[in-house]
Amino acid sequence: MRKGFIVVGFILLMVGLASSLQAGGIINKQNLSADYIRTLNRNAATDMADAAVYNPAGTAMMEDGLYLKADAIYLMKDYSNQLPSSPPFNLGTLDSEEPSIIPGLFAVYKHDRWSGFFAVSIPGGGGKVDFEDGNSRTALLAFGYAGLLGLPALAAPTTADQSIEADSYYVGYSLGASYKIFDSLSLGGGIRFVDAYQKFKGYARNSATGQSVNVKIEREDEAFNYFLGLDYQPIKDLNIALTYMSNTPLNFKADTRDSTSFLGPNSISSRVGWVDGTHEREDLPGYIGAGVSYFIIPGTLRIEPNLTYYLEKQAKLEGSRFQDSMPGNSYD
């Protein structure tokens, strides 16, 4: 009975931590499939169709047949902004509890020494926030543009109606093939098309007069990149995999509607650097993924160490938020 309680307690602990089981670089996301959320180790996968995105060369090591997999990852999120307790920003804690639903679709066909695969995944973004009562940014918005709201500056943050929401999705479509050169070695590769968008909408409004400042920004771009992989099985229960994903050159164009645009360089969109019609390079960085899968007890117990190293120094990231933080290569 005690052992049963321990097992149940461990399961409950893992469920409680599920929303934090995400990894990635500055922009990249690696929670591409539900099995990654379950194990955090898929770089040497040869057992399911999501190997198409984690270990493309390993698809040639699978048994002959058609593999299909469809995922919908539900992630609970609770973000909050704690504002100063003194005027004019004494708004307390402002929250967003908007969940994320991340889809995934994977297909692999293996025959003899060849395999072909297709996948739809979310390699970047995938999140949404909705601060229905505003957050620190809208409080500053109300304070800075109090004159346009017809409110005293010190009263504007706490008296103006506020809201801000944002979401971002990078949808990746991967197509490729793999070939088993020897029984122990296979090589694979392919191309990926990334369709990316980012959306932001925020406002502050004087409910008494209807005066408001608001901004809506949509940024979109699409680009191709390529990937290469190697899978090596020196002995029956040991698999070693290596994957290289190239940089995806995204040059986002801003489609902006800004009620303060008449202020020129003092407008909201000018201050964030996303004036209507302007472009900004924000690549999806490439990475190197390495993984090992070894059955300690054949068919029963295995270990799977993984490393994903993101090549962010090779990416072009023009936004000031990247330059100010001087990003370097990261890993998980």
C-alpha atoms as a PDB file:
ATOM      1  CA  MET A   1       0.000   0.000   0.000  1.00  0.00           C
ATOM      2  CA  ARG A   2       2.783   2.419   0.898  1.00  0.00           C
ATOM      3  CA  LYS A   3       4.500   1.731  -2.427  1.00  0.00           C
ATOM      4  CA  GLY A   4       1.245   2.541  -4.208  1.00  0.00           C
ATOM      5  CA  PHE A   5       0.970   5.899  -2.418  1.00  0.00           C
ATOM      6  CA  ILE A   6       4.553   6.740  -3.409  1.00  0.00           C
ATOM      7  CA  VAL A   7       3.825   5.980  -7.072  1.00  0.00           C
ATOM      8  CA  VAL A   8       0.614   8.037  -7.039  1.00  0.00           C
ATOM      9  CA  GLY A   9       2.418  10.913  -5.312  1.00  0.00           C
ATOM     10  CA  PHE A  10       5.180  10.862  -7.911  1.00  0.00           C
ATOM     11  CA  ILE A  11       2.627  10.934 -10.743  1.00  0.00           C
ATOM     12  CA  LEU A  12       0.815  13.882  -9.150  1.00  0.00           C
ATOM     13  CA  LEU A  13       4.124  15.729  -8.779  1.00  0.00           C
ATOM     14  CA  MET A  14       4.916  15.236 -12.484  1.00  0.00           C
ATOM     15  CA  VAL A  15       1.430  16.421 -13.476  1.00  0.00           C
ATOM     16  CA  GLY A  16       1.922  19.514 -11.338  1.00  0.00           C
ATOM     17  CA  LEU A  17       5.200  20.258 -13.116  1.00  0.00           C
ATOM     18  CA  ALA A  18       3.830  19.584 -16.609  1.00  0.00           C
ATOM     19  CA  SER A  19       3.325  23.241 -17.495  1.00  0.00           C
ATOM     20  CA  SER A  20       7.032  23.914 -16.957  1.00  0.00           C
ATOM     21  CA  LEU A  21       8.295  20.968 -19.008  1.00  0.00           C
ATOM     22  CA  GLN A  22       9.378  23.075 -21.938  1.00  0.00           C
ATOM     23  CA  ALA A  23      12.841  23.730 -23.213  1.00  0.00           C
ATOM     24  CA  GLY A  24      14.454  25.686 -25.966  1.00  0.00           C
ATOM     25  CA  GLY A  25      16.651  28.609 -26.890  1.00  0.00           C
ATOM     26  CA  ILE A  26      15.900  32.321 -27.132  1.00  0.00           C
ATOM     27  CA  ILE A  27      13.246  31.663 -29.793  1.00  0.00           C
ATOM     28  CA  ASN A  28      13.377  27.915 -30.544  1.00  0.00           C
ATOM     29  CA  LYS A  29      10.980  25.532 -28.858  1.00  0.00           C
ATOM     30  CA  GLN A  30      11.679  21.821 -28.539  1.00  0.00           C
ATOM     31  CA  ASN A  31       8.316  20.649 -27.151  1.00  0.00           C
ATOM     32  CA  LEU A  32       7.273  19.635 -30.678  1.00  0.00           C
ATOM     33  CA  SER A  33       5.464  16.452 -29.652  1.00  0.00           C
ATOM     34  CA  ALA A  34       3.639  15.032 -26.654  1.00  0.00           C
ATOM     35  CA  ASP A  35       6.348  12.425 -26.174  1.00  0.00           C
ATOM     36  CA  TYR A  36       8.920  15.167 -25.661  1.00  0.00           C
ATOM     37  CA  ILE A  37       6.753  16.540 -22.830  1.00  0.00           C
ATOM     38  CA  ARG A  38       6.652  13.020 -21.389  1.00  0.00           C
ATOM     39  CA  THR A  39      10.374  12.228 -21.561  1.00  0.00           C
ATOM     40  CA  LEU A  40      12.301  15.415 -22.550  1.00  0.00           C
ATOM     41  CA  ASN A  41      14.501  13.096 -24.650  1.00  0.00           C
ATOM     42  CA  ARG A  42      13.695  12.429 -28.325  1.00  0.00           C
ATOM     43  CA  ASN A  43      16.931  13.222 -30.184  1.00  0.00           C
ATOM     44  CA  ALA A  44      17.675   9.504 -30.660  1.00  0.00           C
ATOM     45  CA  ALA A  45      14.064   8.379 -31.179  1.00  0.00           C
ATOM     46  CA  THR A  46      13.373   5.480 -33.564  1.00  0.00           C
ATOM     47  CA  ASP A  47      10.069   4.268 -32.117  1.00  0.00           C
ATOM     48  CA  MET A  48       7.379   6.745 -33.249  1.00  0.00           C
ATOM     49  CA  ALA A  49       6.550   9.139 -36.075  1.00  0.00           C
ATOM     50  CA  ASP A  50       7.812  12.226 -34.225  1.00  0.00           C
ATOM     51  CA  ALA A  51      11.320  10.941 -35.046  1.00  0.00           C
ATOM     52  CA  ALA A  52      10.703  12.863 -38.286  1.00  0.00           C
ATOM     53  CA  VAL A  53      11.502  16.122 -36.442  1.00  0.00           C
ATOM     54  CA  TYR A  54      13.868  14.907 -33.718  1.00  0.00           C
ATOM     55  CA  ASN A  55      15.920  12.234 -35.492  1.00  0.00           C
ATOM     56  CA  PRO A  56      15.168  12.266 -39.240  1.00  0.00           C
ATOM     57  CA  ALA A  57      17.982   9.830 -40.094  1.00  0.00           C
ATOM     58  CA  GLY A  58      16.617   7.407 -37.497  1.00  0.00           C
ATOM     59  CA  THR A  59      13.382   6.919 -39.468  1.00  0.00           C
ATOM     60  CA  ALA A  60      15.303   4.515 -41.753  1.00  0.00           C
ATOM     61  CA  MET A  61      16.016   2.362 -38.667  1.00  0.00           C
ATOM     62  CA  MET A  62      12.319   1.830 -37.941  1.00  0.00           C
ATOM     63  CA  GLU A  63      10.405  -1.312 -38.865  1.00  0.00           C
ATOM     64  CA  ASP A  64       8.741  -1.289 -42.299  1.00  0.00           C
ATOM     65  CA  GLY A  65       5.318   0.298 -42.396  1.00  0.00           C
ATOM     66  CA  LEU A  66       3.343   3.534 -42.106  1.00  0.00           C
ATOM     67  CA  TYR A  67       3.533   5.528 -38.879  1.00  0.00           C
ATOM     68  CA  LEU A  68       1.072   8.338 -38.099  1.00  0.00           C
ATOM     69  CA  LYS A  69       0.928  10.556 -35.011  1.00  0.00           C
ATOM     70  CA  ALA A  70      -1.238  13.560 -34.140  1.00  0.00           C
ATOM     71  CA  ASP A  71      -0.695  15.551 -30.925  1.00  0.00           C
ATOM     72  CA  ALA A  72      -2.388  18.409 -29.131  1.00  0.00           C
ATOM     73  CA  ILE A  73      -0.310  19.635 -26.184  1.00  0.00           C
ATOM     74  CA  TYR A  74      -2.276  21.636 -23.598  1.00  0.00           C
ATOM     75  CA  LEU A  75      -0.110  23.851 -21.389  1.00  0.00           C
ATOM     76  CA  MET A  76      -1.490  25.792 -18.452  1.00  0.00           C
ATOM     77  CA  LYS A  77       0.226  29.130 -17.826  1.00  0.00           C
ATOM     78  CA  ASP A  78      -0.076  31.686 -15.051  1.00  0.00           C
ATOM     79  CA  TYR A  79       1.875  34.881 -15.723  1.00  0.00           C
ATOM     80  CA  SER A  80       1.709  37.926 -13.485  1.00  0.00           C
ATOM     81  CA  ASN A  81       3.091  41.455 -13.218  1.00  0.00           C
ATOM     82  CA  GLN A  82       3.592  42.813  -9.705  1.00  0.00           C
ATOM     83  CA  LEU A  83       3.429  46.596  -9.920  1.00  0.00           C
ATOM     84  CA  PRO A  84       4.826  49.021  -7.308  1.00  0.00           C
ATOM     85  CA  SER A  85       2.447  49.675  -4.419  1.00  0.00           C
ATOM     86  CA  SER A  86       2.978  53.438  -4.515  1.00  0.00           C
ATOM     87  CA  PRO A  87       1.215  55.882  -6.894  1.00  0.00           C
ATOM     88  CA  PRO A  88       0.794  56.092  -9.802  1.00  0.00           C
ATOM     89  CA  PHE A  89       1.277  52.363 -10.418  1.00  0.00           C
ATOM     90  CA  ASN A  90      -0.458  50.902  -7.371  1.00  0.00           C
ATOM     91  CA  LEU A  91      -2.460  48.350  -9.389  1.00  0.00           C
ATOM     92  CA  GLY A  92      -1.335  45.321  -7.416  1.00  0.00           C
ATOM     93  CA  THR A  93      -0.819  42.075  -9.343  1.00  0.00           C
ATOM     94  CA  LEU A  94      -2.089  41.789 -12.916  1.00  0.00           C
ATOM     95  CA  ASP A  95      -2.486  38.277 -14.330  1.00  0.00           C
ATOM     96  CA  SER A  96      -2.797  36.308 -17.549  1.00  0.00           C
ATOM     97  CA  GLU A  97      -3.898  32.667 -17.291  1.00  0.00           C
ATOM     98  CA  GLU A  98      -4.382  32.054 -21.014  1.00  0.00           C
ATOM     99  CA  PRO A  99      -3.427  28.430 -21.838  1.00  0.00           C
ATOM    100  CA  SER A 100      -1.517  27.305 -24.918  1.00  0.00           C
ATOM    101  CA  ILE A 101      -2.540  24.492 -27.250  1.00  0.00           C
ATOM    102  CA  ILE A 102       0.348  23.281 -29.393  1.00  0.00           C
ATOM    103  CA  PRO A 103      -0.504  20.918 -32.273  1.00  0.00           C
ATOM    104  CA  GLY A 104       1.741  18.403 -33.972  1.00  0.00           C
ATOM    105  CA  LEU A 105       1.272  16.093 -36.958  1.00  0.00           C
ATOM    106  CA  PHE A 106       3.833  13.458 -37.979  1.00  0.00           C
ATOM    107  CA  ALA A 107       3.943  10.805 -40.701  1.00  0.00           C
ATOM    108  CA  VAL A 108       6.702   8.312 -41.613  1.00  0.00           C
ATOM    109  CA  TYR A 109       6.698   5.618 -44.294  1.00  0.00           C
ATOM    110  CA  LYS A 110       9.501   3.065 -44.072  1.00  0.00           C
ATOM    111  CA  HIS A 111      10.231   0.450 -46.751  1.00  0.00           C
ATOM    112  CA  ASP A 112      13.353  -1.682 -47.002  1.00  0.00           C
ATOM    113  CA  ARG A 113      16.317   0.731 -46.644  1.00  0.00           C
ATOM    114  CA  TRP A 114      14.361   3.904 -47.439  1.00  0.00           C
ATOM    115  CA  SER A 115      12.059   6.112 -45.412  1.00  0.00           C
ATOM    116  CA  GLY A 116      10.113   9.244 -46.263  1.00  0.00           C
ATOM    117  CA  PHE A 117       8.497  11.585 -43.764  1.00  0.00           C
ATOM    118  CA  PHE A 118       6.370  14.699 -43.352  1.00  0.00           C
ATOM    119  CA  ALA A 119       5.666  16.733 -40.232  1.00  0.00           C
ATOM    120  CA  VAL A 120       3.862  19.848 -39.057  1.00  0.00           C
ATOM    121  CA  SER A 121       5.227  21.278 -35.810  1.00  0.00           C
ATOM    122  CA  ILE A 122       5.628  24.525 -33.846  1.00  0.00           C
ATOM    123  CA  PRO A 123       9.402  25.182 -33.637  1.00  0.00           C
ATOM    124  CA  GLY A 124       8.943  28.720 -32.280  1.00  0.00           C
ATOM    125  CA  GLY A 125       6.312  30.692 -30.409  1.00  0.00           C
ATOM    126  CA  GLY A 126       3.218  28.694 -29.586  1.00  0.00           C
ATOM    127  CA  GLY A 127       2.203  30.952 -26.713  1.00  0.00           C
ATOM    128  CA  LYS A 128      -0.492  33.505 -25.948  1.00  0.00           C
ATOM    129  CA  VAL A 129      -1.061  35.983 -23.141  1.00  0.00           C
ATOM    130  CA  ASP A 130      -4.193  38.002 -22.382  1.00  0.00           C
ATOM    131  CA  PHE A 131      -3.924  40.577 -19.591  1.00  0.00           C
ATOM    132  CA  GLU A 132      -7.591  41.636 -19.459  1.00  0.00           C
ATOM    133  CA  ASP A 133      -6.897  44.372 -16.889  1.00  0.00           C
ATOM    134  CA  GLY A 134      -3.599  45.447 -18.401  1.00  0.00           C
ATOM    135  CA  ASN A 135      -0.057  44.929 -17.195  1.00  0.00           C
ATOM    136  CA  SER A 136       3.081  46.956 -16.548  1.00  0.00           C
ATOM    137  CA  ARG A 137       3.291  48.009 -20.206  1.00  0.00           C
ATOM    138  CA  THR A 138      -0.249  49.381 -20.372  1.00  0.00           C
ATOM    139  CA  ALA A 139       0.240  51.190 -17.046  1.00  0.00           C
ATOM    140  CA  LEU A 140       3.257  52.936 -18.565  1.00  0.00           C
ATOM    141  CA  LEU A 141       1.238  53.535 -21.731  1.00  0.00           C
ATOM    142  CA  ALA A 142      -1.492  55.289 -19.743  1.00  0.00           C
ATOM    143  CA  PHE A 143       1.080  57.316 -17.797  1.00  0.00           C
ATOM    144  CA  GLY A 144       3.061  58.394 -20.854  1.00  0.00           C
ATOM    145  CA  TYR A 145       0.037  59.326 -22.956  1.00  0.00           C
ATOM    146  CA  ALA A 146      -2.180  60.701 -20.196  1.00  0.00           C
ATOM    147  CA  GLY A 147      -2.703  63.929 -22.154  1.00  0.00           C
ATOM    148  CA  LEU A 148      -4.327  62.039 -25.042  1.00  0.00           C
ATOM    149  CA  LEU A 149      -6.555  60.270 -22.528  1.00  0.00           C
ATOM    150  CA  GLY A 150      -7.667  63.532 -20.943  1.00  0.00           C
ATOM    151  CA  LEU A 151      -6.395  62.373 -17.549  1.00  0.00           C
ATOM    152  CA  PRO A 152      -3.809  63.698 -15.085  1.00  0.00           C
ATOM    153  CA  ALA A 153      -0.566  61.752 -15.485  1.00  0.00           C
ATOM    154  CA  LEU A 154      -0.505  60.555 -11.863  1.00  0.00           C
ATOM    155  CA  ALA A 155      -4.097  59.316 -12.081  1.00  0.00           C
ATOM    156  CA  ALA A 156      -4.015  57.770 -15.568  1.00  0.00           C
ATOM    157  CA  PRO A 157      -2.489  54.321 -14.772  1.00  0.00           C
ATOM    158  CA  THR A 158      -5.076  53.519 -12.103  1.00  0.00           C
ATOM    159  CA  THR A 159      -8.167  55.149 -13.652  1.00  0.00           C
ATOM    160  CA  ALA A 160      -7.843  54.200 -17.330  1.00  0.00           C
ATOM    161  CA  ASP A 161      -9.337  50.958 -18.654  1.00  0.00           C
ATOM    162  CA  GLN A 162      -6.465  48.809 -19.904  1.00  0.00           C
ATOM    163  CA  SER A 163      -5.897  45.594 -21.802  1.00  0.00           C
ATOM    164  CA  ILE A 164      -3.071  43.885 -23.670  1.00  0.00           C
ATOM    165  CA  GLU A 165      -2.849  40.565 -25.486  1.00  0.00           C
ATOM    166  CA  ALA A 166      -0.268  38.895 -27.697  1.00  0.00           C
ATOM    167  CA  ASP A 167       0.321  35.596 -29.419  1.00  0.00           C
ATOM    168  CA  SER A 168       2.967  34.073 -31.649  1.00  0.00           C
ATOM    169  CA  TYR A 169       3.186  30.926 -33.782  1.00  0.00           C
ATOM    170  CA  TYR A 170       5.966  29.633 -36.017  1.00  0.00           C
ATOM    171  CA  VAL A 171       4.459  26.752 -38.008  1.00  0.00           C
ATOM    172  CA  GLY A 172       7.056  24.429 -39.525  1.00  0.00           C
ATOM    173  CA  TYR A 173       6.319  22.046 -42.426  1.00  0.00           C
ATOM    174  CA  SER A 174       9.075  19.437 -42.769  1.00  0.00           C
ATOM    175  CA  LEU A 175       9.590  17.065 -45.717  1.00  0.00           C
ATOM    176  CA  GLY A 176      12.473  14.657 -46.066  1.00  0.00           C
ATOM    177  CA  ALA A 177      13.875  11.166 -46.533  1.00  0.00           C
ATOM    178  CA  SER A 178      16.442   8.832 -45.012  1.00  0.00           C
ATOM    179  CA  TYR A 179      18.522   5.932 -46.358  1.00  0.00           C
ATOM    180  CA  LYS A 180      20.165   3.060 -44.482  1.00  0.00           C
ATOM    181  CA  ILE A 181      23.666   2.824 -45.995  1.00  0.00           C
ATOM    182  CA  PHE A 182      24.677  -0.075 -43.739  1.00  0.00           C
ATOM    183  CA  ASP A 183      22.636  -2.057 -41.247  1.00  0.00           C
ATOM    184  CA  SER A 184      24.198   0.108 -38.534  1.00  0.00           C
ATOM    185  CA  LEU A 185      24.279   3.504 -40.272  1.00  0.00           C
ATOM    186  CA  SER A 186      21.687   5.740 -41.927  1.00  0.00           C
ATOM    187  CA  LEU A 187      21.740   9.276 -43.283  1.00  0.00           C
ATOM    188  CA  GLY A 188      18.790  11.609 -43.744  1.00  0.00           C
ATOM    189  CA  GLY A 189      17.799  15.154 -44.549  1.00  0.00           C
ATOM    190  CA  GLY A 190      15.164  17.441 -45.941  1.00  0.00           C
ATOM    191  CA  ILE A 191      13.731  20.929 -46.070  1.00  0.00           C
ATOM    192  CA  ARG A 192      11.470  22.850 -43.713  1.00  0.00           C
ATOM    193  CA  PHE A 193       9.141  25.720 -44.559  1.00  0.00           C
ATOM    194  CA  VAL A 194       8.441  28.069 -41.626  1.00  0.00           C
ATOM    195  CA  ASP A 195       5.389  30.361 -41.638  1.00  0.00           C
ATOM    196  CA  ALA A 196       5.735  32.734 -38.685  1.00  0.00           C
ATOM    197  CA  TYR A 197       3.553  35.447 -37.221  1.00  0.00           C
ATOM    198  CA  GLN A 198       3.457  37.610 -34.107  1.00  0.00           C
ATOM    199  CA  LYS A 199       0.443  39.652 -32.993  1.00  0.00           C
ATOM    200  CA  PHE A 200       0.184  42.348 -30.315  1.00  0.00           C
ATOM    201  CA  LYS A 201      -2.795  44.461 -29.278  1.00  0.00           C
ATOM    202  CA  GLY A 202      -3.028  46.889 -26.382  1.00  0.00           C
ATOM    203  CA  TYR A 203      -4.941  49.952 -25.291  1.00  0.00           C
ATOM    204  CA  ALA A 204      -5.633  52.378 -22.460  1.00  0.00           C
ATOM    205  CA  ARG A 205      -8.987  54.200 -22.375  1.00  0.00           C
ATOM    206  CA  ASN A 206     -10.641  56.972 -20.380  1.00  0.00           C
ATOM    207  CA  SER A 207     -14.037  55.373 -19.731  1.00  0.00           C
ATOM    208  CA  ALA A 208     -15.594  58.715 -18.841  1.00  0.00           C
ATOM    209  CA  THR A 209     -14.792  60.455 -22.135  1.00  0.00           C
ATOM    210  CA  GLY A 210     -14.042  57.568 -24.475  1.00  0.00           C
ATOM    211  CA  GLN A 211     -10.599  59.014 -25.289  1.00  0.00           C
ATOM    212  CA  SER A 212      -8.060  56.249 -25.878  1.00  0.00           C
ATOM    213  CA  VAL A 213      -4.632  55.298 -27.127  1.00  0.00           C
ATOM    214  CA  ASN A 214      -4.298  51.933 -28.788  1.00  0.00           C
ATOM    215  CA  VAL A 215      -1.951  49.984 -30.993  1.00  0.00           C
ATOM    216  CA  LYS A 216      -2.266  46.763 -32.997  1.00  0.00           C
ATOM    217  CA  ILE A 217       0.800  45.220 -34.590  1.00  0.00           C
ATOM    218  CA  GLU A 218       1.030  42.102 -36.737  1.00  0.00           C
ATOM    219  CA  ARG A 219       4.411  40.866 -37.947  1.00  0.00           C
ATOM    220  CA  GLU A 220       4.719  38.059 -40.484  1.00  0.00           C
ATOM    221  CA  ASP A 221       7.247  36.313 -42.690  1.00  0.00           C
ATOM    222  CA  GLU A 222       8.031  32.911 -44.150  1.00  0.00           C
ATOM    223  CA  ALA A 223      11.255  31.178 -45.168  1.00  0.00           C
ATOM    224  CA  PHE A 224      12.875  27.823 -45.973  1.00  0.00           C
ATOM    225  CA  ASN A 225      15.737  26.062 -44.249  1.00  0.00           C
ATOM    226  CA  TYR A 226      17.272  22.581 -44.418  1.00  0.00           C
ATOM    227  CA  PHE A 227      18.277  19.822 -42.014  1.00  0.00           C
ATOM    228  CA  LEU A 228      20.657  16.841 -42.051  1.00  0.00           C
ATOM    229  CA  GLY A 229      20.912  13.798 -39.817  1.00  0.00           C
ATOM    230  CA  LEU A 230      22.953  10.712 -38.971  1.00  0.00           C
ATOM    231  CA  ASP A 231      21.921   7.634 -37.013  1.00  0.00           C
ATOM    232  CA  TYR A 232      24.371   4.944 -35.849  1.00  0.00           C
ATOM    233  CA  GLN A 233      23.605   1.637 -34.106  1.00  0.00           C
ATOM    234  CA  PRO A 234      26.939  -0.045 -33.270  1.00  0.00           C
ATOM    235  CA  ILE A 235      25.252  -2.782 -31.222  1.00  0.00           C
ATOM    236  CA  LYS A 236      21.678  -3.998 -30.880  1.00  0.00           C
ATOM    237  CA  ASP A 237      20.576  -1.984 -27.845  1.00  0.00           C
ATOM    238  CA  LEU A 238      22.561   1.214 -28.469  1.00  0.00           C
ATOM    239  CA  ASN A 239      21.488   4.035 -30.800  1.00  0.00           C
ATOM    240  CA  ILE A 240      23.416   7.280 -31.393  1.00  0.00           C
ATOM    241  CA  ALA A 241      21.912  10.146 -33.377  1.00  0.00           C
ATOM    242  CA  LEU A 242      23.012  13.562 -34.601  1.00  0.00           C
ATOM    243  CA  THR A 243      20.880  16.220 -36.335  1.00  0.00           C
ATOM    244  CA  TYR A 244      21.811  19.603 -37.779  1.00  0.00           C
ATOM    245  CA  MET A 245      19.072  22.210 -38.377  1.00  0.00           C
ATOM    246  CA  SER A 246      20.108  25.248 -40.400  1.00  0.00           C
ATOM    247  CA  ASN A 247      19.208  28.868 -39.618  1.00  0.00           C
ATOM    248  CA  THR A 248      15.814  30.108 -40.886  1.00  0.00           C
ATOM    249  CA  PRO A 249      16.167  33.687 -42.242  1.00  0.00           C
ATOM    250  CA  LEU A 250      12.971  35.491 -41.199  1.00  0.00           C
ATOM    251  CA  ASN A 251      12.549  39.177 -42.058  1.00  0.00           C
ATOM    252  CA  PHE A 252       9.350  40.278 -40.332  1.00  0.00           C
ATOM    253  CA  LYS A 253       7.247  43.041 -41.872  1.00  0.00           C
ATOM    254  CA  ALA A 254       5.132  45.122 -39.494  1.00  0.00           C
ATOM    255  CA  ASP A 255       1.464  45.810 -40.279  1.00  0.00           C
ATOM    256  CA  THR A 256       0.688  48.457 -37.687  1.00  0.00           C
ATOM    257  CA  ARG A 257      -2.337  50.478 -36.647  1.00  0.00           C
ATOM    258  CA  ASP A 258      -1.315  53.055 -34.073  1.00  0.00           C
ATOM    259  CA  SER A 259      -3.581  55.833 -32.816  1.00  0.00           C
ATOM    260  CA  THR A 260      -0.485  57.820 -31.775  1.00  0.00           C
ATOM    261  CA  SER A 261       1.252  57.626 -35.176  1.00  0.00           C
ATOM    262  CA  PHE A 262       0.762  61.400 -35.680  1.00  0.00           C
ATOM    263  CA  LEU A 263       3.366  61.916 -32.947  1.00  0.00           C
ATOM    264  CA  GLY A 264       6.090  60.610 -35.266  1.00  0.00           C
ATOM    265  CA  PRO A 265       9.165  59.443 -33.317  1.00  0.00           C
ATOM    266  CA  ASN A 266       7.182  59.728 -30.067  1.00  0.00           C
ATOM    267  CA  SER A 267       4.473  57.312 -31.205  1.00  0.00           C
ATOM    268  CA  ILE A 268       4.105  53.926 -29.568  1.00  0.00           C
ATOM    269  CA  SER A 269       5.107  51.976 -32.682  1.00  0.00           C
ATOM    270  CA  SER A 270       8.194  54.155 -33.166  1.00  0.00           C
ATOM    271  CA  ARG A 271       9.323  53.546 -29.618  1.00  0.00           C
ATOM    272  CA  VAL A 272       9.037  49.763 -29.962  1.00  0.00           C
ATOM    273  CA  GLY A 273      10.627  49.896 -33.439  1.00  0.00           C
ATOM    274  CA  TRP A 274       7.697  48.431 -35.387  1.00  0.00           C
ATOM    275  CA  VAL A 275       6.361  51.296 -37.506  1.00  0.00           C
ATOM    276  CA  ASP A 276       3.919  50.241 -40.219  1.00  0.00           C
ATOM    277  CA  GLY A 277       5.682  48.797 -43.270  1.00  0.00           C
ATOM    278  CA  THR A 278       9.118  48.442 -41.675  1.00  0.00           C
ATOM    279  CA  HIS A 279      11.121  45.206 -41.694  1.00  0.00           C
ATOM    280  CA  GLU A 280      13.203  43.602 -38.961  1.00  0.00           C
ATOM    281  CA  ARG A 281      15.333  40.448 -39.190  1.00  0.00           C
ATOM    282  CA  GLU A 282      14.543  37.968 -36.451  1.00  0.00           C
ATOM    283  CA  ASP A 283      15.808  34.573 -37.570  1.00  0.00           C
ATOM    284  CA  LEU A 284      14.769  31.257 -36.106  1.00  0.00           C
ATOM    285  CA  PRO A 285      18.240  30.004 -35.088  1.00  0.00           C
ATOM    286  CA  GLY A 286      19.575  26.662 -36.212  1.00  0.00           C
ATOM    287  CA  TYR A 287      20.735  23.997 -33.779  1.00  0.00           C
ATOM    288  CA  ILE A 288      22.624  20.752 -33.345  1.00  0.00           C
ATOM    289  CA  GLY A 289      20.770  17.923 -31.627  1.00  0.00           C
ATOM    290  CA  ALA A 290      22.607  14.895 -30.241  1.00  0.00           C
ATOM    291  CA  GLY A 291      21.092  11.912 -28.467  1.00  0.00           C
ATOM    292  CA  VAL A 292      21.892   8.432 -27.194  1.00  0.00           C
ATOM    293  CA  SER A 293      19.423   5.664 -26.436  1.00  0.00           C
ATOM    294  CA  TYR A 294      20.674   2.573 -24.599  1.00  0.00           C
ATOM    295  CA  PHE A 295      18.697  -0.345 -23.205  1.00  0.00           C
ATOM    296  CA  ILE A 296      20.205  -1.326 -19.872  1.00  0.00           C
ATOM    297  CA  ILE A 297      17.684  -4.151 -19.722  1.00  0.00           C
ATOM    298  CA  PRO A 298      16.682  -5.095 -23.305  1.00  0.00           C
ATOM    299  CA  GLY A 299      13.095  -4.123 -24.060  1.00  0.00           C
ATOM    300  CA  THR A 300      12.480  -3.005 -20.461  1.00  0.00           C
ATOM    301  CA  LEU A 301      14.707  -0.205 -19.184  1.00  0.00           C
ATOM    302  CA  ARG A 302      16.698   2.366 -21.152  1.00  0.00           C
ATOM    303  CA  ILE A 303      18.547   5.621 -20.602  1.00  0.00           C
ATOM    304  CA  GLU A 304      18.408   8.533 -23.069  1.00  0.00           C
ATOM    305  CA  PRO A 305      20.835  11.416 -22.520  1.00  0.00           C
ATOM    306  CA  ASN A 306      20.218  14.349 -24.907  1.00  0.00           C
ATOM    307  CA  LEU A 307      21.855  17.647 -25.825  1.00  0.00           C
ATOM    308  CA  THR A 308      20.415  20.381 -28.057  1.00  0.00           C
ATOM    309  CA  TYR A 309      22.788  23.268 -28.800  1.00  0.00           C
ATOM    310  CA  TYR A 310      21.206  26.383 -30.341  1.00  0.00           C
ATOM    311  CA  LEU A 311      23.326  28.354 -32.828  1.00  0.00           C
ATOM    312  CA  GLU A 312      22.028  31.801 -31.925  1.00  0.00           C
ATOM    313  CA  LYS A 313      25.278  33.606 -32.691  1.00  0.00           C
ATOM    314  CA  GLN A 314      24.831  32.624 -36.339  1.00  0.00           C
ATOM    315  CA  ALA A 315      21.310  34.073 -36.457  1.00  0.00           C
ATOM    316  CA  LYS A 316      20.530  37.663 -37.305  1.00  0.00           C
ATOM    317  CA  LEU A 317      18.510  39.212 -34.459  1.00  0.00           C
ATOM    318  CA  GLU A 318      18.094  42.931 -35.094  1.00  0.00           C
ATOM    319  CA  GLY A 319      15.622  43.779 -32.315  1.00  0.00           C
ATOM    320  CA  SER A 320      16.944  45.964 -29.522  1.00  0.00           C
ATOM    321  CA  ARG A 321      15.730  43.434 -26.932  1.00  0.00           C
ATOM    322  CA  PHE A 322      18.257  40.955 -28.362  1.00  0.00           C
ATOM    323  CA  GLN A 323      21.089  43.437 -28.746  1.00  0.00           C
ATOM    324  CA  ASP A 324      20.678  44.745 -25.195  1.00  0.00           C
ATOM    325  CA  SER A 325      21.003  41.228 -23.782  1.00  0.00           C
ATOM    326  CA  MET A 326      23.930  40.266 -26.063  1.00  0.00           C
ATOM    327  CA  PRO A 327      22.628  36.743 -26.755  1.00  0.00           C
ATOM    328  CA  GLY A 328      25.049  33.887 -27.163  1.00  0.00           C
ATOM    329  CA  ASN A 329      24.558  30.233 -28.021  1.00  0.00           C
ATOM    330  CA  SER A 330      22.374  28.382 -25.521  1.00  0.00           C
ATOM    331  CA  TYR A 331      21.603  24.715 -24.888  1.00  0.00           C
ATOM    332  CA  ASP A 332      19.350  22.287 -23.111  1.00  0.00           C
END
